[in-house]
PDB file of N, CA and C in Angstrom:
ATOM      1  N   MET A   1       1.017  -1.199  -0.175  1.00  0.00           N
ATOM      2  CA  MET A   1      -0.192   0.124   0.056  1.00  0.00           C
ATOM      3  C   MET A   1       1.188   1.022  -0.070  1.00  0.00           C
ATOM      4  N   PHE A   2       0.868   2.298  -0.731  1.00  0.00           N
ATOM      5  CA  PHE A   2       1.339   3.531  -0.807  1.00  0.00           C
ATOM      6  C   PHE A   2       0.404   4.589  -0.178  1.00  0.00           C
ATOM      7  N   VAL A   3       1.184   5.064   0.571  1.00  0.00           N
ATOM      8  CA  VAL A   3       0.631   6.430   1.511  1.00  0.00           C
ATOM      9  C   VAL A   3       1.261   7.764   0.877  1.00  0.00           C
ATOM     10  N   PRO A   4       0.512   8.445   0.372  1.00  0.00           N
ATOM     11  CA  PRO A   4       1.296   9.809  -0.116  1.00  0.00           C
ATOM     12  C   PRO A   4       1.771  10.531   1.141  1.00  0.00           C
ATOM     13  N   ARG A   5       2.638  11.091   0.647  1.00  0.00           N
ATOM     14  CA  ARG A   5       3.140  12.479   2.071  1.00  0.00           C
ATOM     15  C   ARG A   5       2.534  12.989   2.669  1.00  0.00           C
ATOM     16  N   GLY A   6       2.136  13.379   4.126  1.00  0.00           N
ATOM     17  CA  GLY A   6       1.544  13.955   4.719  1.00  0.00           C
ATOM     18  C   GLY A   6       0.228  13.407   5.041  1.00  0.00           C
ATOM     19  N   TRP A   7      -0.110  12.042   4.172  1.00  0.00           N
ATOM     20  CA  TRP A   7      -1.710  11.514   4.480  1.00  0.00           C
ATOM     21  C   TRP A   7      -1.654  10.587   5.698  1.00  0.00           C
ATOM     22  N   TRP A   8      -2.579  11.309   6.423  1.00  0.00           N
ATOM     23  CA  TRP A   8      -2.864  10.350   7.644  1.00  0.00           C
ATOM     24  C   TRP A   8      -3.117   8.946   7.492  1.00  0.00           C
ATOM     25  N   HIS A   9      -2.571   7.887   8.308  1.00  0.00           N
ATOM     26  CA  HIS A   9      -2.848   6.733   8.110  1.00  0.00           C
ATOM     27  C   HIS A   9      -2.856   5.902   9.166  1.00  0.00           C
ATOM     28  N   ALA A  10      -3.391   4.378   9.334  1.00  0.00           N
ATOM     29  CA  ALA A  10      -3.320   3.621  10.220  1.00  0.00           C
ATOM     30  C   ALA A  10      -3.310   2.209   9.956  1.00  0.00           C
ATOM     31  N   CYS A  11      -3.027   1.550  11.041  1.00  0.00           N
ATOM     32  CA  CYS A  11      -2.835   0.054  10.439  1.00  0.00           C
ATOM     33  C   CYS A  11      -3.709  -0.882  11.726  1.00  0.00           C
ATOM     34  N   LEU A  12      -4.695  -1.696  11.585  1.00  0.00           N
ATOM     35  CA  LEU A  12      -5.443  -2.351  12.457  1.00  0.00           C
ATOM     36  C   LEU A  12      -4.851  -3.579  12.327  1.00  0.00           C
ATOM     37  N   ASN A  13      -4.083  -4.509  13.376  1.00  0.00           N
ATOM     38  CA  ASN A  13      -3.861  -5.770  12.535  1.00  0.00           C
ATOM     39  C   ASN A  13      -5.217  -7.085  13.455  1.00  0.00           C
ATOM     40  N   LEU A  14      -5.652  -7.592  12.426  1.00  0.00           N
ATOM     41  CA  LEU A  14      -6.618  -8.687  12.486  1.00  0.00           C
ATOM     42  C   LEU A  14      -5.955  -9.780  13.517  1.00  0.00           C
ATOM     43  N   ASP A  15      -4.892  -9.946  13.556  1.00  0.00           N
ATOM     44  CA  ASP A  15      -4.527 -11.317  14.054  1.00  0.00           C
ATOM     45  C   ASP A  15      -3.032 -10.968  15.295  1.00  0.00           C
ATOM     46  N   THR A  16      -2.637 -12.092  15.997  1.00  0.00           N
ATOM     47  CA  THR A  16      -1.872 -11.519  16.958  1.00  0.00           C
ATOM     48  C   THR A  16      -0.250 -11.827  16.283  1.00  0.00           C
ATOM     49  N   LEU A  17      -0.263 -12.705  15.238  1.00  0.00           N
ATOM     50  CA  LEU A  17       0.648 -13.069  14.564  1.00  0.00           C
ATOM     51  C   LEU A  17       1.109 -12.187  13.194  1.00  0.00           C
ATOM     52  N   THR A  18       1.222 -10.850  13.267  1.00  0.00           N
ATOM     53  CA  THR A  18       1.240 -10.285  12.273  1.00  0.00           C
ATOM     54  C   THR A  18       2.711  -9.778  12.041  1.00  0.00           C
ATOM     55  N   VAL A  19       3.270  -9.293  10.758  1.00  0.00           N
ATOM     56  CA  VAL A  19       4.546  -8.751  10.344  1.00  0.00           C
ATOM     57  C   VAL A  19       4.385  -7.199   9.438  1.00  0.00           C
ATOM     58  N   ALA A  20       4.998  -6.463  10.025  1.00  0.00           N
ATOM     59  CA  ALA A  20       4.915  -4.995   9.192  1.00  0.00           C
ATOM     60  C   ALA A  20       6.250  -4.820   8.408  1.00  0.00           C
ATOM     61  N   VAL A  21       6.239  -4.709   7.351  1.00  0.00           N
ATOM     62  CA  VAL A  21       7.629  -4.046   6.449  1.00  0.00           C
ATOM     63  C   VAL A  21       7.013  -2.926   5.885  1.00  0.00           C
ATOM     64  N   THR A  22       7.852  -1.810   6.277  1.00  0.00           N
ATOM     65  CA  THR A  22       7.604  -0.727   5.916  1.00  0.00           C
ATOM     66  C   THR A  22       8.945   0.123   5.288  1.00  0.00           C
ATOM     67  N   GLN A  23       8.573   1.100   4.543  1.00  0.00           N
ATOM     68  CA  GLN A  23       9.644   1.775   3.947  1.00  0.00           C
ATOM     69  C   GLN A  23       9.446   3.241   3.362  1.00  0.00           C
ATOM     70  N   ASN A  24      10.317   4.105   3.601  1.00  0.00           N
ATOM     71  CA  ASN A  24      10.115   5.589   3.504  1.00  0.00           C
ATOM     72  C   ASN A  24      10.644   6.416   1.945  1.00  0.00           C
ATOM     73  N   PHE A  25      10.037   6.794   1.131  1.00  0.00           N
ATOM     74  CA  PHE A  25      10.665   6.655   0.027  1.00  0.00           C
ATOM     75  C   PHE A  25      11.122   8.361  -0.118  1.00  0.00           C
ATOM     76  N   VAL A  26      12.241   8.880  -0.223  1.00  0.00           N
ATOM     77  CA  VAL A  26      12.840   9.690  -0.335  1.00  0.00           C
ATOM     78  C   VAL A  26      13.633  10.073  -1.921  1.00  0.00           C
ATOM     79  N   SER A  27      13.487  11.096  -2.722  1.00  0.00           N
ATOM     80  CA  SER A  27      13.696  11.254  -4.024  1.00  0.00           C
ATOM     81  C   SER A  27      14.130  12.792  -3.961  1.00  0.00           C
ATOM     82  N   SER A  28      14.606  13.137  -4.860  1.00  0.00           N
ATOM     83  CA  SER A  28      14.800  14.340  -5.299  1.00  0.00           C
ATOM     84  C   SER A  28      13.760  15.309  -5.101  1.00  0.00           C
ATOM     85  N   VAL A  29      12.590  14.691  -5.632  1.00  0.00           N
ATOM     86  CA  VAL A  29      11.493  15.453  -5.780  1.00  0.00           C
ATOM     87  C   VAL A  29      11.042  16.074  -4.506  1.00  0.00           C
ATOM     88  N   ASN A  30      10.878  15.230  -3.577  1.00  0.00           N
ATOM     89  CA  ASN A  30      10.373  15.280  -2.081  1.00  0.00           C
ATOM     90  C   ASN A  30      11.478  15.432  -0.955  1.00  0.00           C
ATOM     91  N   LEU A  31      12.863  15.618  -1.391  1.00  0.00           N
ATOM     92  CA  LEU A  31      14.042  15.620  -0.447  1.00  0.00           C
ATOM     93  C   LEU A  31      13.580  16.965   0.367  1.00  0.00           C
ATOM     94  N   ALA A  32      13.154  17.997  -0.359  1.00  0.00           N
ATOM     95  CA  ALA A  32      13.345  19.533   0.332  1.00  0.00           C
ATOM     96  C   ALA A  32      12.027  19.042   1.732  1.00  0.00           C
ATOM     97  N   GLN A  33      11.127  18.479   1.354  1.00  0.00           N
ATOM     98  CA  GLN A  33       9.945  18.157   2.282  1.00  0.00           C
ATOM     99  C   GLN A  33      10.401  17.194   3.477  1.00  0.00           C
ATOM    100  N   VAL A  34      11.247  16.370   3.076  1.00  0.00           N
ATOM    101  CA  VAL A  34      11.633  15.464   3.947  1.00  0.00           C
ATOM    102  C   VAL A  34      12.636  15.919   5.258  1.00  0.00           C
ATOM    103  N   LEU A  35      13.644  17.014   4.216  1.00  0.00           N
ATOM    104  CA  LEU A  35      14.364  17.318   5.277  1.00  0.00           C
ATOM    105  C   LEU A  35      13.798  18.737   5.951  1.00  0.00           C
ATOM    106  N   ASP A  36      12.734  19.246   5.772  1.00  0.00           N
ATOM    107  CA  ASP A  36      11.887  20.130   6.582  1.00  0.00           C
ATOM    108  C   ASP A  36      11.352  19.521   7.900  1.00  0.00           C
ATOM    109  N   PHE A  37      10.795  18.029   7.183  1.00  0.00           N
ATOM    110  CA  PHE A  37       9.975  17.066   8.371  1.00  0.00           C
ATOM    111  C   PHE A  37      10.863  16.850   9.550  1.00  0.00           C
ATOM    112  N   LEU A  38      12.140  16.724   9.123  1.00  0.00           N
ATOM    113  CA  LEU A  38      13.159  16.008   9.994  1.00  0.00           C
ATOM    114  C   LEU A  38      13.896  17.352  10.733  1.00  0.00           C
ATOM    115  N   ARG A  39      13.592  18.340  10.552  1.00  0.00           N
ATOM    116  CA  ARG A  39      14.519  19.332  10.826  1.00  0.00           C
ATOM    117  C   ARG A  39      14.060  19.250  12.433  1.00  0.00           C
ATOM    118  N   PRO A  40      15.301  19.785  13.479  1.00  0.00           N
ATOM    119  CA  PRO A  40      15.021  20.097  14.829  1.00  0.00           C
ATOM    120  C   PRO A  40      13.935  20.851  15.284  1.00  0.00           C
ATOM    121  N   GLY A  41      13.473  19.948  16.816  1.00  0.00           N
ATOM    122  CA  GLY A  41      12.361  20.701  16.993  1.00  0.00           C
ATOM    123  C   GLY A  41      11.322  19.759  16.566  1.00  0.00           C
ATOM    124  N   ARG A  42      11.379  18.948  15.880  1.00  0.00           N
ATOM    125  CA  ARG A  42       9.902  18.223  15.383  1.00  0.00           C
ATOM    126  C   ARG A  42       9.975  16.645  15.709  1.00  0.00           C
ATOM    127  N   ALA A  43      10.731  16.494  16.721  1.00  0.00           N
ATOM    128  CA  ALA A  43      11.113  14.920  16.801  1.00  0.00           C
ATOM    129  C   ALA A  43       9.937  13.979  17.258  1.00  0.00           C
ATOM    130  N   GLU A  44       8.857  14.971  18.015  1.00  0.00           N
ATOM    131  CA  GLU A  44       7.964  13.938  18.236  1.00  0.00           C
ATOM    132  C   GLU A  44       6.807  13.766  17.418  1.00  0.00           C
ATOM    133  N   LEU A  45       7.137  14.089  16.204  1.00  0.00           N
ATOM    134  CA  LEU A  45       6.630  13.651  14.650  1.00  0.00           C
ATOM    135  C   LEU A  45       7.361  12.479  13.989  1.00  0.00           C
ATOM    136  N   VAL A  46       8.581  12.127  14.535  1.00  0.00           N
ATOM    137  CA  VAL A  46       9.154  10.643  13.851  1.00  0.00           C
ATOM    138  C   VAL A  46       8.617   9.631  14.854  1.00  0.00           C
ATOM    139  N   SER A  47       8.761   8.304  14.113  1.00  0.00           N
ATOM    140  CA  SER A  47       8.764   7.286  14.685  1.00  0.00           C
ATOM    141  C   SER A  47       9.829   6.307  13.868  1.00  0.00           C
ATOM    142  N   GLY A  48       9.687   4.786  14.324  1.00  0.00           N
ATOM    143  CA  GLY A  48      10.401   4.036  13.703  1.00  0.00           C
ATOM    144  C   GLY A  48      12.004   4.011  14.076  1.00  0.00           C
ATOM    145  N   CYS A  49      12.292   5.027  15.460  1.00  0.00           N
ATOM    146  CA  CYS A  49      13.705   4.893  15.633  1.00  0.00           C
ATOM    147  C   CYS A  49      13.762   5.181  17.110  1.00  0.00           C
ATOM    148  N   SER A  50      14.809   4.957  17.963  1.00  0.00           N
ATOM    149  CA  SER A  50      14.878   5.107  19.177  1.00  0.00           C
ATOM    150  C   SER A  50      14.405   6.815  19.481  1.00  0.00           C
ATOM    151  N   HIS A  51      13.971   6.987  20.854  1.00  0.00           N
ATOM    152  CA  HIS A  51      13.744   8.436  20.897  1.00  0.00           C
ATOM    153  C   HIS A  51      14.924   9.225  21.015  1.00  0.00           C
ATOM    154  N   ASP A  52      16.274   8.916  21.552  1.00  0.00           N
ATOM    155  CA  ASP A  52      17.026   9.601  21.532  1.00  0.00           C
ATOM    156  C   ASP A  52      17.923   9.836  20.010  1.00  0.00           C
ATOM    157  N   GLN A  53      17.677   8.997  18.846  1.00  0.00           N
ATOM    158  CA  GLN A  53      17.818   9.210  17.752  1.00  0.00           C
ATOM    159  C   GLN A  53      17.021  10.357  17.138  1.00  0.00           C
ATOM    160  N   ARG A  54      15.799  10.230  17.481  1.00  0.00           N
ATOM    161  CA  ARG A  54      14.874  11.259  16.852  1.00  0.00           C
ATOM    162  C   ARG A  54      15.396  12.614  16.423  1.00  0.00           C
ATOM    163  N   GLY A  55      15.862  13.277  17.494  1.00  0.00           N
ATOM    164  CA  GLY A  55      16.219  14.782  17.177  1.00  0.00           C
ATOM    165  C   GLY A  55      17.188  14.947  16.246  1.00  0.00           C
ATOM    166  N   LYS A  56      18.259  13.594  16.134  1.00  0.00           N
ATOM    167  CA  LYS A  56      19.536  13.694  15.540  1.00  0.00           C
ATOM    168  C   LYS A  56      19.212  13.351  13.904  1.00  0.00           C
ATOM    169  N   LEU A  57      18.003  13.109  13.502  1.00  0.00           N
ATOM    170  CA  LEU A  57      17.915  12.636  12.190  1.00  0.00           C
ATOM    171  C   LEU A  57      18.366  13.551  11.229  1.00  0.00           C
ATOM    172  N   HIS A  58      17.695  14.481  11.353  1.00  0.00           N
ATOM    173  CA  HIS A  58      18.135  15.584  10.086  1.00  0.00           C
ATOM    174  C   HIS A  58      19.745  15.910   9.935  1.00  0.00           C
ATOM    175  N   ASP A  59      20.338  15.943  11.363  1.00  0.00           N
ATOM    176  CA  ASP A  59      21.891  16.221  10.901  1.00  0.00           C
ATOM    177  C   ASP A  59      22.368  14.903  10.328  1.00  0.00           C
ATOM    178  N   MET A  60      21.973  13.878  10.855  1.00  0.00           N
ATOM    179  CA  MET A  60      22.500  12.504  10.225  1.00  0.00           C
ATOM    180  C   MET A  60      22.507  12.348   8.774  1.00  0.00           C
ATOM    181  N   PHE A  61      21.010  12.992   8.529  1.00  0.00           N
ATOM    182  CA  PHE A  61      20.502  12.746   6.850  1.00  0.00           C
ATOM    183  C   PHE A  61      21.449  13.675   6.143  1.00  0.00           C
ATOM    184  N   VAL A  62      21.491  15.208   6.473  1.00  0.00           N
ATOM    185  CA  VAL A  62      22.261  15.832   5.707  1.00  0.00           C
ATOM    186  C   VAL A  62      23.812  15.368   5.610  1.00  0.00           C
ATOM    187  N   ALA A  63      24.438  15.107   6.786  1.00  0.00           N
ATOM    188  CA  ALA A  63      25.772  14.316   6.896  1.00  0.00           C
ATOM    189  C   ALA A  63      25.634  13.507   5.450  1.00  0.00           C
ATOM    190  N   GLY A  64      24.860  12.314   5.870  1.00  0.00           N
ATOM    191  CA  GLY A  64      24.786  11.173   4.527  1.00  0.00           C
ATOM    192  C   GLY A  64      24.566  11.827   3.267  1.00  0.00           C
ATOM    193  N   LEU A  65      24.034  12.917   3.143  1.00  0.00           N
ATOM    194  CA  LEU A  65      23.791  13.511   1.786  1.00  0.00           C
ATOM    195  C   LEU A  65      24.973  14.378   1.385  1.00  0.00           C
ATOM    196  N   ALA A  66      25.641  14.594   2.193  1.00  0.00           N
ATOM    197  CA  ALA A  66      27.086  15.191   2.161  1.00  0.00           C
ATOM    198  C   ALA A  66      28.096  14.464   1.546  1.00  0.00           C
ATOM    199  N   ARG A  67      27.865  13.453   2.021  1.00  0.00           N
ATOM    200  CA  ARG A  67      29.100  12.161   2.124  1.00  0.00           C
ATOM    201  C   ARG A  67      28.727  11.775   0.605  1.00  0.00           C
ATOM    202  N   GLU A  68      27.260  11.028   0.519  1.00  0.00           N
ATOM    203  CA  GLU A  68      27.312  10.442  -0.706  1.00  0.00           C
ATOM    204  C   GLU A  68      26.589  11.452  -1.806  1.00  0.00           C
ATOM    205  N   ARG A  69      25.948  12.363  -1.806  1.00  0.00           N
ATOM    206  CA  ARG A  69      25.405  13.103  -2.783  1.00  0.00           C
ATOM    207  C   ARG A  69      25.515  14.687  -2.718  1.00  0.00           C
ATOM    208  N   PRO A  70      26.797  15.196  -2.706  1.00  0.00           N
ATOM    209  CA  PRO A  70      27.162  16.521  -2.297  1.00  0.00           C
ATOM    210  C   PRO A  70      26.259  17.370  -3.304  1.00  0.00           C
ATOM    211  N   ASP A  71      26.389  16.900  -4.497  1.00  0.00           N
ATOM    212  CA  ASP A  71      25.596  17.598  -5.664  1.00  0.00           C
ATOM    213  C   ASP A  71      24.160  17.604  -5.413  1.00  0.00           C
ATOM    214  N   LEU A  72      23.515  16.690  -5.185  1.00  0.00           N
ATOM    215  CA  LEU A  72      22.213  16.922  -4.584  1.00  0.00           C
ATOM    216  C   LEU A  72      21.776  17.697  -3.454  1.00  0.00           C
ATOM    217  N   LEU A  73      22.637  17.726  -2.409  1.00  0.00           N
ATOM    218  CA  LEU A  73      22.478  18.490  -1.102  1.00  0.00           C
ATOM    219  C   LEU A  73      22.507  19.845  -1.598  1.00  0.00           C
ATOM    220  N   LYS A  74      23.793  20.250  -2.475  1.00  0.00           N
ATOM    221  CA  LYS A  74      23.311  21.719  -2.744  1.00  0.00           C
ATOM    222  C   LYS A  74      22.255  22.525  -3.521  1.00  0.00           C
ATOM    223  N   GLN A  75      22.120  21.292  -4.458  1.00  0.00           N
ATOM    224  CA  GLN A  75      20.794  21.835  -5.026  1.00  0.00           C
ATOM    225  C   GLN A  75      19.693  21.841  -4.591  1.00  0.00           C
ATOM    226  N   ILE A  76      19.642  21.146  -3.548  1.00  0.00           N
ATOM    227  CA  ILE A  76      18.469  21.364  -2.736  1.00  0.00           C
ATOM    228  C   ILE A  76      18.399  22.483  -1.803  1.00  0.00           C
ATOM    229  N   GLU A  77      19.654  22.815  -1.271  1.00  0.00           N
ATOM    230  CA  GLU A  77      19.657  24.147  -0.529  1.00  0.00           C
ATOM    231  C   GLU A  77      19.401  25.283  -1.221  1.00  0.00           C
ATOM    232  N   ARG A  78      19.691  25.126  -2.580  1.00  0.00           N
ATOM    233  CA  ARG A  78      19.413  26.699  -3.314  1.00  0.00           C
ATOM    234  C   ARG A  78      18.119  26.448  -3.419  1.00  0.00           C
ATOM    235  N   ARG A  79      17.673  25.562  -3.649  1.00  0.00           N
ATOM    236  CA  ARG A  79      16.041  25.585  -3.942  1.00  0.00           C
ATOM    237  C   ARG A  79      15.397  25.875  -2.826  1.00  0.00           C
ATOM    238  N   MET A  80      15.647  25.418  -1.578  1.00  0.00           N
ATOM    239  CA  MET A  80      15.061  25.752  -0.403  1.00  0.00           C
ATOM    240  C   MET A  80      15.502  27.283   0.221  1.00  0.00           C
ATOM    241  N   ALA A  81      16.537  27.706  -0.124  1.00  0.00           N
ATOM    242  CA  ALA A  81      16.904  29.191   0.240  1.00  0.00           C
ATOM    243  C   ALA A  81      16.074  29.864  -0.853  1.00  0.00           C
ATOM    244  N   ALA A  82      15.565  29.575  -2.062  1.00  0.00           N
ATOM    245  CA  ALA A  82      15.063  30.318  -3.106  1.00  0.00           C
ATOM    246  C   ALA A  82      13.589  30.632  -2.613  1.00  0.00           C
ATOM    247  N   ALA A  83      13.042  29.337  -2.142  1.00  0.00           N
ATOM    248  CA  ALA A  83      11.853  29.277  -1.837  1.00  0.00           C
ATOM    249  C   ALA A  83      11.505  29.955  -0.288  1.00  0.00           C
ATOM    250  N   ARG A  84      12.223  30.059   0.588  1.00  0.00           N
ATOM    251  CA  ARG A  84      12.262  31.181   1.716  1.00  0.00           C
ATOM    252  C   ARG A  84      12.369  32.490   1.079  1.00  0.00           C
ATOM    253  N   ALA A  85      13.593  32.842   0.291  1.00  0.00           N
ATOM    254  CA  ALA A  85      13.442  34.182  -0.289  1.00  0.00           C
ATOM    255  C   ALA A  85      12.148  34.747  -0.799  1.00  0.00           C
ATOM    256  N   LYS A  86      11.255  33.695  -1.768  1.00  0.00           N
ATOM    257  CA  LYS A  86       9.910  34.196  -2.053  1.00  0.00           C
ATOM    258  C   LYS A  86       8.825  34.293  -0.899  1.00  0.00           C
ATOM    259  N   VAL A  87       8.956  33.499   0.209  1.00  0.00           N
ATOM    260  CA  VAL A  87       8.195  33.509   1.172  1.00  0.00           C
ATOM    261  C   VAL A  87       8.350  35.054   1.687  1.00  0.00           C
ATOM    262  N   GLU A  88       9.713  35.301   2.074  1.00  0.00           N
ATOM    263  CA  GLU A  88      10.084  36.684   2.537  1.00  0.00           C
ATOM    264  C   GLU A  88       9.758  37.606   1.642  1.00  0.00           C
ATOM    265  N   ARG A  89       9.741  37.668   0.575  1.00  0.00           N
ATOM    266  CA  ARG A  89       9.221  38.866  -0.585  1.00  0.00           C
ATOM    267  C   ARG A  89       7.762  38.798  -0.626  1.00  0.00           C
ATOM    268  N   ASP A  90       7.351  37.870  -0.126  1.00  0.00           N
ATOM    269  CA  ASP A  90       5.657  37.851  -0.560  1.00  0.00           C
ATOM    270  C   ASP A  90       5.253  38.486   0.850  1.00  0.00           C
ATOM    271  N   GLN A  91       5.868  38.002   1.927  1.00  0.00           N
ATOM    272  CA  GLN A  91       5.484  38.532   3.135  1.00  0.00           C
ATOM    273  C   GLN A  91       5.673  40.116   2.918  1.00  0.00           C
ATOM    274  N   ARG A  92       6.613  40.869   2.540  1.00  0.00           N
ATOM    275  CA  ARG A  92       7.085  42.301   2.567  1.00  0.00           C
ATOM    276  C   ARG A  92       5.928  42.872   1.532  1.00  0.00           C
ATOM    277  N   LEU A  93       5.559  42.293   0.816  1.00  0.00           N
ATOM    278  CA  LEU A  93       4.774  42.856  -0.307  1.00  0.00           C
ATOM    279  C   LEU A  93       3.606  42.935   0.308  1.00  0.00           C
ATOM    280  N   SER A  94       3.030  41.831   1.346  1.00  0.00           N
ATOM    281  CA  SER A  94       1.512  42.020   1.836  1.00  0.00           C
ATOM    282  C   SER A  94       1.632  43.100   3.016  1.00  0.00           C
ATOM    283  N   ASP A  95       2.727  43.433   3.372  1.00  0.00           N
ATOM    284  CA  ASP A  95       2.614  44.446   4.482  1.00  0.00           C
ATOM    285  C   ASP A  95       2.246  45.746   4.565  1.00  0.00           C
TER     286      ASP A  95
END
């Protein structure tokens, strides 16, 4: 079953012997949203790992990107900076 980003979902196990196989999909298309979701201060929204790791996931993910895909990280950082600049410009225009 595919659950799109941001959709609420739940699973009800109808038997006592169940197995869950899950995977989160991250691509260059949704990478900015994933980085935003993992940013510090949102650890309560993360599951699937120990509580002490939840607040570190953003930095761990960015470090992995810097090591394995520095070109993609730079591209996403530029895209995110442009989006923030647009929001700031729009806010100034609406004031």
